Amino acid sequence: SSNFGSDLLPRRQTFRGTRNIAMPEITKNVKFENIAREWRCKWSEDASKASLDAAQALLTNALAELSSVEGVASIQRIVCGGCHDFKVITKLPAAAFGDWEKADFAPEKEFLAKLGGISGVSAVETQTYTLEEVKLNKKDAKKALEKKEAEAEKKTSDAPKPPEDPAKKLKKVIKEGGKRGVEIEGAADMGGLQFF
């Protein structure tokens, strides 16, 4: 169990823009608007996964009360068949999270006690963390990819060119010298180089 939420709530920063939004921050670069509380346990394969069925039934019974918590933005259930995790994640805006924390995350205590009493359930725990949607919309994703490509192209064009093969360079010099020689000869035939 953790009091991560209360540790973060007092630190707030106000952002400029059309709306005045106060967002807590963990670091200058890591800001958040939402805090989630996770209830989790391990279930077993015994008796045709009876512990998983019982955990789901318990969640179904608690959903109305949990959904009624002021400010709840979402409730998600995660089940992993490989590692036998059963998780319930309740997300609230940071501003509402403090009130739920003061109410001891009701109905958490009752839910966890019943969850721990299910045969085959183990490792009943809680955790608090920030939970943000970070997916870009298509327009912003396209802009970000274009910017990344432009930066990569600039790096490539700014990179020093590999040294030229000395044999090829000598061949170019001889060719260019021959052209200049012809130009000088032509200029001399027309009266000399003093006019050029």
N, C-alpha and C. Protein backbone atom coordinates (compact mmCIF):
# COMPACT_ATOMS: atom_id res chain seq x y z
N SER A 1 0.84 -1.18 0.00
CA SER A 1 0.00 0.00 0.00
C SER A 1 0.88 1.24 0.00
N SER A 2 0.42 2.31 -0.60
CA SER A 2 1.24 3.50 -0.74
C SER A 2 0.38 4.75 -0.58
N ASN A 3 0.99 5.83 -0.11
CA ASN A 3 0.28 7.11 -0.03
C ASN A 3 0.84 8.05 -1.09
N PHE A 4 1.17 7.50 -2.24
CA PHE A 4 1.73 8.21 -3.37
C PHE A 4 0.88 9.41 -3.75
N GLY A 5 -0.42 9.25 -3.75
CA GLY A 5 -1.33 10.32 -4.15
C GLY A 5 -1.19 11.55 -3.29
N SER A 6 -1.20 11.39 -1.96
CA SER A 6 -1.11 12.56 -1.09
C SER A 6 0.25 13.21 -1.16
N ASP A 7 1.29 12.43 -1.45
CA ASP A 7 2.62 13.01 -1.58
C ASP A 7 2.69 13.96 -2.77
N LEU A 8 1.92 13.68 -3.79
CA LEU A 8 2.01 14.48 -5.01
C LEU A 8 1.01 15.63 -5.07
N LEU A 9 -0.12 15.49 -4.42
CA LEU A 9 -1.18 16.49 -4.57
C LEU A 9 -0.79 17.92 -4.24
N PRO A 10 -0.01 18.22 -3.18
CA PRO A 10 0.26 19.61 -2.88
C PRO A 10 1.09 20.34 -3.94
N ARG A 11 1.93 19.61 -4.68
CA ARG A 11 2.77 20.26 -5.68
C ARG A 11 1.97 20.52 -6.94
N ARG A 12 1.72 21.75 -7.22
CA ARG A 12 0.92 22.09 -8.39
C ARG A 12 1.61 23.16 -9.22
N GLN A 13 1.36 23.13 -10.50
CA GLN A 13 1.88 24.13 -11.40
C GLN A 13 0.74 24.60 -12.27
N THR A 14 0.68 25.90 -12.53
CA THR A 14 -0.37 26.44 -13.38
C THR A 14 0.19 26.64 -14.77
N PHE A 15 -0.53 26.16 -15.79
CA PHE A 15 -0.08 26.27 -17.16
C PHE A 15 -0.76 27.44 -17.83
N ARG A 16 -0.02 28.09 -18.75
CA ARG A 16 -0.59 29.18 -19.52
C ARG A 16 -1.41 28.62 -20.67
N GLY A 17 -2.38 29.34 -21.11
CA GLY A 17 -3.19 28.89 -22.24
C GLY A 17 -4.59 29.44 -22.13
N THR A 18 -5.47 28.89 -22.95
CA THR A 18 -6.83 29.39 -22.95
C THR A 18 -7.55 29.01 -21.66
N ARG A 19 -7.14 27.88 -21.06
CA ARG A 19 -7.74 27.47 -19.78
C ARG A 19 -6.65 27.52 -18.72
N ASN A 20 -7.01 27.82 -17.53
CA ASN A 20 -6.06 27.85 -16.43
C ASN A 20 -6.16 26.52 -15.70
N ILE A 21 -5.24 25.59 -16.00
CA ILE A 21 -5.30 24.24 -15.47
C ILE A 21 -4.18 24.06 -14.45
N ALA A 22 -4.52 23.58 -13.27
CA ALA A 22 -3.51 23.28 -12.27
C ALA A 22 -3.20 21.79 -12.37
N MET A 23 -1.96 21.47 -12.72
CA MET A 23 -1.55 20.07 -12.85
C MET A 23 -0.42 19.79 -11.88
N PRO A 24 -0.57 18.78 -11.05
CA PRO A 24 0.56 18.40 -10.20
C PRO A 24 1.70 17.89 -11.07
N GLU A 25 2.89 17.90 -10.52
CA GLU A 25 4.03 17.39 -11.27
C GLU A 25 4.91 16.54 -10.37
N ILE A 26 5.51 15.53 -10.97
CA ILE A 26 6.47 14.69 -10.27
C ILE A 26 7.86 15.27 -10.52
N THR A 27 8.12 15.64 -11.77
CA THR A 27 9.31 16.39 -12.16
C THR A 27 8.85 17.46 -13.12
N LYS A 28 9.78 18.31 -13.52
CA LYS A 28 9.44 19.39 -14.45
C LYS A 28 8.85 18.83 -15.75
N ASN A 29 9.27 17.63 -16.11
CA ASN A 29 8.86 17.03 -17.37
C ASN A 29 7.75 15.99 -17.22
N VAL A 30 7.41 15.60 -15.99
CA VAL A 30 6.41 14.56 -15.76
C VAL A 30 5.26 15.15 -14.94
N LYS A 31 4.19 15.51 -15.65
CA LYS A 31 3.02 16.11 -15.02
C LYS A 31 1.85 15.14 -15.15
N PHE A 32 0.84 15.32 -14.35
CA PHE A 32 -0.31 14.42 -14.43
C PHE A 32 -1.57 15.12 -13.98
N GLU A 33 -2.69 14.57 -14.41
CA GLU A 33 -4.00 15.07 -14.02
C GLU A 33 -4.79 14.02 -13.25
N ASN A 34 -4.41 12.76 -13.40
CA ASN A 34 -5.19 11.65 -12.83
C ASN A 34 -4.34 10.76 -11.93
N ILE A 35 -5.00 10.24 -10.91
CA ILE A 35 -4.36 9.28 -10.01
C ILE A 35 -5.25 8.04 -9.97
N ALA A 36 -4.61 6.88 -9.97
CA ALA A 36 -5.36 5.63 -9.95
C ALA A 36 -5.01 4.83 -8.70
N ARG A 37 -6.00 4.09 -8.23
CA ARG A 37 -5.82 3.16 -7.11
C ARG A 37 -6.03 1.77 -7.67
N GLU A 38 -5.07 0.91 -7.44
CA GLU A 38 -5.14 -0.47 -7.95
C GLU A 38 -5.32 -1.44 -6.80
N TRP A 39 -6.29 -2.36 -6.95
CA TRP A 39 -6.47 -3.49 -6.05
C TRP A 39 -6.06 -4.70 -6.86
N ARG A 40 -5.22 -5.55 -6.31
CA ARG A 40 -4.77 -6.70 -7.09
C ARG A 40 -4.56 -7.93 -6.24
N CYS A 41 -4.59 -9.06 -6.92
CA CYS A 41 -4.33 -10.34 -6.27
C CYS A 41 -3.88 -11.34 -7.31
N LYS A 42 -3.47 -12.49 -6.84
CA LYS A 42 -3.17 -13.63 -7.70
C LYS A 42 -4.28 -14.65 -7.51
N TRP A 43 -4.73 -15.25 -8.60
CA TRP A 43 -5.75 -16.30 -8.54
C TRP A 43 -5.11 -17.61 -8.99
N SER A 44 -5.78 -18.72 -8.75
CA SER A 44 -5.19 -20.02 -9.10
C SER A 44 -6.04 -20.76 -10.11
N GLU A 45 -5.41 -21.72 -10.76
CA GLU A 45 -6.08 -22.56 -11.76
C GLU A 45 -6.95 -23.64 -11.11
N ASP A 46 -6.79 -23.82 -9.80
CA ASP A 46 -7.50 -24.90 -9.08
C ASP A 46 -9.02 -24.80 -9.28
N ALA A 47 -9.65 -25.96 -9.28
CA ALA A 47 -11.12 -26.07 -9.35
C ALA A 47 -11.69 -25.27 -10.51
N SER A 48 -11.09 -25.45 -11.70
CA SER A 48 -11.56 -24.76 -12.92
C SER A 48 -11.58 -23.24 -12.76
N LYS A 49 -10.53 -22.72 -12.12
CA LYS A 49 -10.36 -21.27 -11.95
C LYS A 49 -11.47 -20.66 -11.09
N ALA A 50 -11.89 -21.39 -10.08
CA ALA A 50 -12.99 -20.93 -9.21
C ALA A 50 -12.63 -19.62 -8.51
N SER A 51 -11.35 -19.43 -8.16
CA SER A 51 -10.96 -18.19 -7.48
C SER A 51 -11.13 -16.98 -8.39
N LEU A 52 -10.86 -17.16 -9.68
CA LEU A 52 -11.06 -16.06 -10.64
C LEU A 52 -12.54 -15.74 -10.77
N ASP A 53 -13.37 -16.77 -10.87
CA ASP A 53 -14.82 -16.55 -10.94
C ASP A 53 -15.33 -15.81 -9.70
N ALA A 54 -14.82 -16.21 -8.52
CA ALA A 54 -15.26 -15.59 -7.27
C ALA A 54 -14.79 -14.13 -7.19
N ALA A 55 -13.57 -13.86 -7.67
CA ALA A 55 -13.05 -12.48 -7.67
C ALA A 55 -13.89 -11.60 -8.58
N GLN A 56 -14.27 -12.13 -9.73
CA GLN A 56 -15.10 -11.36 -10.65
C GLN A 56 -16.49 -11.11 -10.05
N ALA A 57 -17.05 -12.10 -9.40
CA ALA A 57 -18.36 -11.93 -8.77
C ALA A 57 -18.30 -10.86 -7.68
N LEU A 58 -17.20 -10.86 -6.92
CA LEU A 58 -17.00 -9.85 -5.88
C LEU A 58 -16.92 -8.46 -6.49
N LEU A 59 -16.19 -8.32 -7.60
CA LEU A 59 -16.09 -7.03 -8.29
C LEU A 59 -17.45 -6.60 -8.80
N THR A 60 -18.18 -7.51 -9.41
CA THR A 60 -19.52 -7.18 -9.92
C THR A 60 -20.41 -6.63 -8.80
N ASN A 61 -20.33 -7.23 -7.61
CA ASN A 61 -21.11 -6.75 -6.47
C ASN A 61 -20.66 -5.38 -5.97
N ALA A 62 -19.37 -5.06 -6.12
CA ALA A 62 -18.83 -3.79 -5.62
C ALA A 62 -18.90 -2.66 -6.64
N LEU A 63 -19.18 -2.99 -7.89
CA LEU A 63 -19.12 -1.99 -8.96
C LEU A 63 -20.05 -0.79 -8.77
N ALA A 64 -21.25 -1.01 -8.30
CA ALA A 64 -22.19 0.11 -8.13
C ALA A 64 -21.64 1.11 -7.11
N GLU A 65 -21.16 0.60 -5.99
CA GLU A 65 -20.61 1.49 -4.95
C GLU A 65 -19.34 2.18 -5.44
N LEU A 66 -18.46 1.43 -6.10
CA LEU A 66 -17.21 1.99 -6.61
C LEU A 66 -17.48 3.02 -7.69
N SER A 67 -18.42 2.75 -8.57
CA SER A 67 -18.78 3.69 -9.64
C SER A 67 -19.41 4.97 -9.10
N SER A 68 -19.97 4.90 -7.89
CA SER A 68 -20.62 6.06 -7.27
C SER A 68 -19.65 6.99 -6.56
N VAL A 69 -18.38 6.60 -6.45
CA VAL A 69 -17.39 7.47 -5.80
C VAL A 69 -17.29 8.76 -6.61
N GLU A 70 -17.38 9.89 -5.91
CA GLU A 70 -17.36 11.19 -6.58
C GLU A 70 -16.07 11.37 -7.38
N GLY A 71 -16.23 11.65 -8.69
CA GLY A 71 -15.08 11.94 -9.55
C GLY A 71 -14.50 10.76 -10.30
N VAL A 72 -15.02 9.55 -10.09
CA VAL A 72 -14.45 8.39 -10.79
C VAL A 72 -14.52 8.60 -12.30
N ALA A 73 -13.35 8.53 -12.94
CA ALA A 73 -13.28 8.71 -14.39
C ALA A 73 -13.39 7.37 -15.10
N SER A 74 -12.80 6.33 -14.52
CA SER A 74 -12.88 5.01 -15.14
C SER A 74 -12.56 3.93 -14.12
N ILE A 75 -13.08 2.74 -14.39
CA ILE A 75 -12.77 1.55 -13.61
C ILE A 75 -12.42 0.47 -14.63
N GLN A 76 -11.24 -0.08 -14.50
CA GLN A 76 -10.79 -1.11 -15.44
C GLN A 76 -10.46 -2.38 -14.68
N ARG A 77 -10.70 -3.49 -15.35
CA ARG A 77 -10.33 -4.78 -14.78
C ARG A 77 -9.31 -5.42 -15.70
N ILE A 78 -8.23 -5.92 -15.12
CA ILE A 78 -7.19 -6.59 -15.89
C ILE A 78 -7.08 -8.01 -15.36
N VAL A 79 -7.09 -8.98 -16.27
CA VAL A 79 -6.89 -10.38 -15.90
C VAL A 79 -5.79 -10.92 -16.79
N CYS A 80 -4.76 -11.51 -16.19
CA CYS A 80 -3.67 -12.13 -16.95
C CYS A 80 -3.73 -13.64 -16.73
N GLY A 81 -3.91 -14.37 -17.81
CA GLY A 81 -3.98 -15.82 -17.72
C GLY A 81 -2.63 -16.47 -17.50
N GLY A 82 -1.54 -15.76 -17.85
CA GLY A 82 -0.20 -16.31 -17.70
C GLY A 82 0.33 -16.20 -16.29
N CYS A 83 0.24 -15.00 -15.71
CA CYS A 83 0.78 -14.80 -14.36
C CYS A 83 -0.32 -14.78 -13.30
N HIS A 84 -1.57 -15.01 -13.72
CA HIS A 84 -2.71 -15.12 -12.81
C HIS A 84 -2.98 -13.86 -12.00
N ASP A 85 -2.83 -12.72 -12.64
CA ASP A 85 -3.17 -11.45 -11.99
C ASP A 85 -4.65 -11.15 -12.17
N PHE A 86 -5.24 -10.57 -11.14
CA PHE A 86 -6.59 -10.00 -11.20
C PHE A 86 -6.44 -8.61 -10.61
N LYS A 87 -6.70 -7.58 -11.42
CA LYS A 87 -6.49 -6.20 -10.98
C LYS A 87 -7.73 -5.36 -11.27
N VAL A 88 -8.02 -4.46 -10.35
CA VAL A 88 -9.08 -3.48 -10.53
C VAL A 88 -8.43 -2.12 -10.38
N ILE A 89 -8.55 -1.28 -11.41
CA ILE A 89 -7.90 0.03 -11.42
C ILE A 89 -8.98 1.10 -11.50
N THR A 90 -9.03 1.95 -10.48
CA THR A 90 -10.01 3.03 -10.43
C THR A 90 -9.25 4.34 -10.60
N LYS A 91 -9.61 5.11 -11.63
CA LYS A 91 -8.92 6.35 -11.96
C LYS A 91 -9.81 7.55 -11.64
N LEU A 92 -9.22 8.55 -10.98
CA LEU A 92 -9.92 9.79 -10.65
C LEU A 92 -9.02 10.98 -10.99
N PRO A 93 -9.61 12.13 -11.24
CA PRO A 93 -8.79 13.34 -11.36
C PRO A 93 -8.06 13.58 -10.03
N ALA A 94 -6.86 14.13 -10.10
CA ALA A 94 -6.07 14.36 -8.89
C ALA A 94 -6.83 15.15 -7.84
N ALA A 95 -7.63 16.11 -8.29
CA ALA A 95 -8.39 16.95 -7.36
C ALA A 95 -9.41 16.14 -6.55
N ALA A 96 -9.99 15.10 -7.15
CA ALA A 96 -11.00 14.29 -6.46
C ALA A 96 -10.37 13.15 -5.67
N PHE A 97 -9.15 12.78 -6.02
CA PHE A 97 -8.51 11.63 -5.39
C PHE A 97 -8.32 11.82 -3.88
N GLY A 98 -7.95 13.01 -3.47
CA GLY A 98 -7.72 13.29 -2.05
C GLY A 98 -8.94 13.01 -1.19
N ASP A 99 -10.13 13.34 -1.69
CA ASP A 99 -11.36 13.08 -0.94
C ASP A 99 -11.61 11.58 -0.80
N TRP A 100 -11.35 10.83 -1.86
CA TRP A 100 -11.53 9.38 -1.80
C TRP A 100 -10.51 8.76 -0.84
N GLU A 101 -9.31 9.30 -0.85
CA GLU A 101 -8.27 8.81 0.06
C GLU A 101 -8.69 9.05 1.51
N LYS A 102 -9.26 10.22 1.79
CA LYS A 102 -9.73 10.53 3.16
C LYS A 102 -10.84 9.57 3.60
N ALA A 103 -11.58 9.06 2.63
CA ALA A 103 -12.66 8.10 2.93
C ALA A 103 -12.13 6.66 2.92
N ASP A 104 -10.81 6.50 3.03
CA ASP A 104 -10.15 5.19 3.05
C ASP A 104 -10.46 4.37 1.79
N PHE A 105 -10.62 5.05 0.69
CA PHE A 105 -10.85 4.40 -0.61
C PHE A 105 -12.05 3.43 -0.59
N ALA A 106 -13.07 3.79 0.18
CA ALA A 106 -14.26 2.93 0.29
C ALA A 106 -14.80 2.59 -1.09
N PRO A 107 -15.11 1.36 -1.34
CA PRO A 107 -15.28 0.18 -0.48
C PRO A 107 -14.04 -0.74 -0.43
N GLU A 108 -12.85 -0.15 -0.49
CA GLU A 108 -11.62 -0.95 -0.58
C GLU A 108 -11.45 -1.96 0.55
N LYS A 109 -11.57 -1.50 1.79
CA LYS A 109 -11.30 -2.38 2.94
C LYS A 109 -12.17 -3.64 2.90
N GLU A 110 -13.47 -3.44 2.67
CA GLU A 110 -14.41 -4.58 2.61
C GLU A 110 -14.10 -5.48 1.42
N PHE A 111 -13.83 -4.86 0.27
CA PHE A 111 -13.54 -5.62 -0.95
C PHE A 111 -12.29 -6.49 -0.76
N LEU A 112 -11.23 -5.89 -0.23
CA LEU A 112 -9.97 -6.63 -0.06
C LEU A 112 -10.09 -7.75 0.97
N ALA A 113 -10.86 -7.49 2.02
CA ALA A 113 -11.07 -8.54 3.04
C ALA A 113 -11.78 -9.74 2.42
N LYS A 114 -12.81 -9.48 1.64
CA LYS A 114 -13.54 -10.58 0.99
C LYS A 114 -12.68 -11.25 -0.07
N LEU A 115 -11.89 -10.47 -0.80
CA LEU A 115 -11.01 -11.02 -1.83
C LEU A 115 -9.98 -11.96 -1.20
N GLY A 116 -9.40 -11.53 -0.10
CA GLY A 116 -8.42 -12.36 0.61
C GLY A 116 -9.03 -13.63 1.19
N GLY A 117 -10.33 -13.65 1.40
CA GLY A 117 -11.01 -14.82 1.95
C GLY A 117 -11.38 -15.87 0.91
N ILE A 118 -11.17 -15.56 -0.36
CA ILE A 118 -11.50 -16.50 -1.42
C ILE A 118 -10.41 -17.57 -1.50
N SER A 119 -10.81 -18.83 -1.50
CA SER A 119 -9.87 -19.95 -1.60
C SER A 119 -9.16 -19.89 -2.96
N GLY A 120 -7.82 -19.94 -2.95
CA GLY A 120 -7.04 -19.87 -4.18
C GLY A 120 -6.54 -18.48 -4.50
N VAL A 121 -6.98 -17.47 -3.76
CA VAL A 121 -6.50 -16.10 -3.97
C VAL A 121 -5.34 -15.84 -3.01
N SER A 122 -4.29 -15.20 -3.54
CA SER A 122 -3.14 -14.85 -2.71
C SER A 122 -2.61 -13.48 -3.12
N ALA A 123 -1.63 -12.98 -2.39
CA ALA A 123 -0.94 -11.72 -2.69
C ALA A 123 -1.91 -10.57 -2.93
N VAL A 124 -2.82 -10.35 -1.99
CA VAL A 124 -3.77 -9.24 -2.10
C VAL A 124 -3.03 -7.96 -1.72
N GLU A 125 -2.99 -7.00 -2.66
CA GLU A 125 -2.23 -5.77 -2.45
C GLU A 125 -2.96 -4.58 -3.06
N THR A 126 -2.46 -3.39 -2.72
CA THR A 126 -2.95 -2.16 -3.34
C THR A 126 -1.75 -1.35 -3.81
N GLN A 127 -2.00 -0.44 -4.74
CA GLN A 127 -0.96 0.47 -5.20
C GLN A 127 -1.64 1.73 -5.73
N THR A 128 -0.98 2.85 -5.55
CA THR A 128 -1.47 4.13 -6.06
C THR A 128 -0.42 4.69 -7.01
N TYR A 129 -0.88 5.18 -8.15
CA TYR A 129 0.04 5.75 -9.14
C TYR A 129 -0.73 6.71 -10.04
N THR A 130 0.03 7.48 -10.84
CA THR A 130 -0.62 8.36 -11.81
C THR A 130 -0.97 7.53 -13.04
N LEU A 131 -2.02 7.95 -13.73
CA LEU A 131 -2.45 7.21 -14.92
C LEU A 131 -2.93 8.21 -15.96
N GLU A 132 -2.18 8.35 -17.04
CA GLU A 132 -2.50 9.34 -18.07
C GLU A 132 -2.60 8.71 -19.45
N GLU A 133 -3.50 9.24 -20.25
CA GLU A 133 -3.56 8.90 -21.67
C GLU A 133 -2.46 9.71 -22.35
N VAL A 134 -1.57 9.06 -23.06
CA VAL A 134 -0.48 9.78 -23.72
C VAL A 134 -0.49 9.59 -25.23
N LYS A 135 -1.48 8.89 -25.75
CA LYS A 135 -1.58 8.65 -27.19
C LYS A 135 -1.83 9.97 -27.91
N LEU A 136 -1.10 10.19 -29.00
CA LEU A 136 -1.31 11.38 -29.82
C LEU A 136 -2.44 11.15 -30.81
N ASN A 137 -3.17 12.23 -31.13
CA ASN A 137 -4.17 12.10 -32.20
C ASN A 137 -3.42 12.01 -33.54
N LYS A 138 -4.11 11.64 -34.60
CA LYS A 138 -3.44 11.40 -35.89
C LYS A 138 -2.68 12.62 -36.40
N LYS A 139 -3.27 13.79 -36.26
CA LYS A 139 -2.64 15.03 -36.75
C LYS A 139 -1.34 15.30 -36.00
N ASP A 140 -1.36 15.21 -34.66
CA ASP A 140 -0.16 15.45 -33.86
C ASP A 140 0.89 14.37 -34.08
N ALA A 141 0.45 13.12 -34.26
CA ALA A 141 1.39 12.02 -34.52
C ALA A 141 2.11 12.25 -35.84
N LYS A 142 1.36 12.70 -36.86
CA LYS A 142 1.96 12.96 -38.17
C LYS A 142 2.99 14.08 -38.08
N LYS A 143 2.66 15.16 -37.36
CA LYS A 143 3.60 16.27 -37.18
C LYS A 143 4.87 15.80 -36.47
N ALA A 144 4.71 15.00 -35.42
CA ALA A 144 5.86 14.51 -34.66
C ALA A 144 6.76 13.63 -35.52
N LEU A 145 6.14 12.76 -36.34
CA LEU A 145 6.93 11.89 -37.22
C LEU A 145 7.66 12.70 -38.29
N GLU A 146 6.99 13.71 -38.85
CA GLU A 146 7.62 14.57 -39.86
C GLU A 146 8.80 15.33 -39.26
N LYS A 147 8.63 15.83 -38.05
CA LYS A 147 9.71 16.55 -37.37
C LYS A 147 10.90 15.62 -37.12
N LYS A 148 10.60 14.41 -36.68
CA LYS A 148 11.66 13.43 -36.41
C LYS A 148 12.42 13.09 -37.70
N GLU A 149 11.69 12.90 -38.80
CA GLU A 149 12.31 12.60 -40.09
C GLU A 149 13.17 13.77 -40.56
N ALA A 150 12.68 15.00 -40.39
CA ALA A 150 13.43 16.19 -40.81
C ALA A 150 14.73 16.31 -40.01
N GLU A 151 14.65 16.02 -38.70
CA GLU A 151 15.85 16.08 -37.86
C GLU A 151 16.86 15.01 -38.28
N ALA A 152 16.36 13.82 -38.59
CA ALA A 152 17.26 12.73 -39.02
C ALA A 152 17.90 13.09 -40.36
N GLU A 153 17.13 13.69 -41.26
CA GLU A 153 17.66 14.09 -42.57
C GLU A 153 18.72 15.17 -42.40
N LYS A 154 18.47 16.12 -41.50
CA LYS A 154 19.43 17.20 -41.25
C LYS A 154 20.72 16.63 -40.68
N LYS A 155 20.62 15.66 -39.76
CA LYS A 155 21.81 15.03 -39.19
C LYS A 155 22.62 14.36 -40.30
N THR A 156 21.92 13.69 -41.22
CA THR A 156 22.60 12.99 -42.31
C THR A 156 23.30 13.99 -43.22
N SER A 157 22.63 15.10 -43.56
CA SER A 157 23.23 16.09 -44.46
C SER A 157 24.36 16.86 -43.78
N ASP A 158 24.31 17.02 -42.46
CA ASP A 158 25.35 17.73 -41.72
C ASP A 158 26.56 16.85 -41.44
N ALA A 159 26.42 15.56 -41.60
CA ALA A 159 27.52 14.64 -41.32
C ALA A 159 28.64 14.87 -42.32
N PRO A 160 29.90 14.79 -41.87
CA PRO A 160 31.02 15.00 -42.80
C PRO A 160 31.03 13.92 -43.88
N LYS A 161 31.34 14.37 -45.10
CA LYS A 161 31.38 13.42 -46.21
C LYS A 161 32.65 12.59 -46.10
N PRO A 162 32.60 11.34 -46.52
CA PRO A 162 33.80 10.50 -46.47
C PRO A 162 34.87 11.07 -47.39
N PRO A 163 36.14 10.90 -47.06
CA PRO A 163 37.22 11.45 -47.90
C PRO A 163 37.16 10.84 -49.31
N GLU A 164 37.49 11.70 -50.29
CA GLU A 164 37.43 11.26 -51.68
C GLU A 164 38.64 10.39 -51.99
N ASP A 165 38.43 9.41 -52.84
CA ASP A 165 39.50 8.50 -53.26
C ASP A 165 40.59 9.33 -53.97
N PRO A 166 41.85 9.24 -53.52
CA PRO A 166 42.92 10.06 -54.13
C PRO A 166 43.08 9.84 -55.64
N ALA A 167 42.88 8.62 -56.13
CA ALA A 167 43.02 8.34 -57.57
C ALA A 167 41.94 9.10 -58.35
N LYS A 168 40.68 9.10 -57.82
CA LYS A 168 39.59 9.81 -58.50
C LYS A 168 39.84 11.32 -58.47
N LYS A 169 40.37 11.81 -57.34
CA LYS A 169 40.64 13.24 -57.20
C LYS A 169 41.70 13.68 -58.23
N LEU A 170 42.76 12.89 -58.38
CA LEU A 170 43.82 13.20 -59.34
C LEU A 170 43.26 13.23 -60.76
N LYS A 171 42.38 12.30 -61.08
CA LYS A 171 41.76 12.24 -62.40
C LYS A 171 40.95 13.51 -62.66
N LYS A 172 40.19 13.99 -61.66
CA LYS A 172 39.39 15.22 -61.79
C LYS A 172 40.30 16.43 -62.00
N VAL A 173 41.41 16.49 -61.25
CA VAL A 173 42.34 17.62 -61.33
C VAL A 173 42.97 17.68 -62.73
N ILE A 174 43.38 16.54 -63.25
CA ILE A 174 43.98 16.50 -64.59
C ILE A 174 42.95 16.93 -65.63
N LYS A 175 41.72 16.46 -65.51
CA LYS A 175 40.67 16.83 -66.46
C LYS A 175 40.40 18.33 -66.41
N GLU A 176 40.26 18.88 -65.18
CA GLU A 176 39.99 20.31 -65.00
C GLU A 176 41.17 21.13 -65.51
N GLY A 177 42.38 20.65 -65.22
CA GLY A 177 43.59 21.35 -65.71
C GLY A 177 43.62 21.40 -67.22
N GLY A 178 43.23 20.31 -67.87
CA GLY A 178 43.19 20.27 -69.34
C GLY A 178 42.21 21.29 -69.89
N LYS A 179 41.07 21.44 -69.23
CA LYS A 179 40.05 22.41 -69.67
C LYS A 179 40.60 23.83 -69.54
N ARG A 180 41.25 24.10 -68.42
CA ARG A 180 41.82 25.45 -68.20
C ARG A 180 42.92 25.74 -69.23
N GLY A 181 43.68 24.72 -69.53
CA GLY A 181 44.74 24.90 -70.53
C GLY A 181 44.17 25.30 -71.87
N VAL A 182 43.10 24.66 -72.27
CA VAL A 182 42.44 24.97 -73.54
C VAL A 182 41.90 26.40 -73.50
N GLU A 183 41.33 26.81 -72.35
CA GLU A 183 40.79 28.17 -72.23
C GLU A 183 41.91 29.21 -72.33
N ILE A 184 43.03 28.91 -71.68
CA ILE A 184 44.16 29.86 -71.71
C ILE A 184 44.72 29.94 -73.13
N GLU A 185 44.83 28.81 -73.81
CA GLU A 185 45.34 28.79 -75.19
C GLU A 185 44.43 29.61 -76.09
N GLY A 186 43.12 29.44 -75.92
CA GLY A 186 42.17 30.19 -76.73
C GLY A 186 42.26 31.68 -76.46
N ALA A 187 42.46 32.04 -75.19
CA ALA A 187 42.57 33.46 -74.83
C ALA A 187 43.83 34.06 -75.45
N ALA A 188 44.92 33.29 -75.48
CA ALA A 188 46.18 33.78 -76.05
C ALA A 188 46.02 34.02 -77.55
N ASP A 189 45.28 33.15 -78.24
CA ASP A 189 45.05 33.32 -79.68
C ASP A 189 44.25 34.58 -79.97
N MET A 190 43.46 35.02 -79.00
CA MET A 190 42.60 36.20 -79.22
C MET A 190 43.29 37.47 -78.77
N GLY A 191 44.53 37.41 -78.47
CA GLY A 191 45.24 38.64 -78.14
C GLY A 191 45.88 38.63 -76.78
N GLY A 192 45.85 37.58 -76.06
CA GLY A 192 46.56 37.51 -74.80
C GLY A 192 45.61 37.55 -73.61
N LEU A 193 46.23 37.29 -72.45
CA LEU A 193 45.45 37.19 -71.22
C LEU A 193 45.19 38.54 -70.56
N GLN A 194 45.88 39.61 -71.02
CA GLN A 194 45.73 40.90 -70.36
C GLN A 194 44.30 41.45 -70.45
N PHE A 195 43.49 40.99 -71.42
CA PHE A 195 42.12 41.48 -71.57
C PHE A 195 41.13 40.75 -70.66
N PHE A 196 41.59 39.67 -70.00
CA PHE A 196 40.68 38.87 -69.17
C PHE A 196 40.85 39.16 -67.71
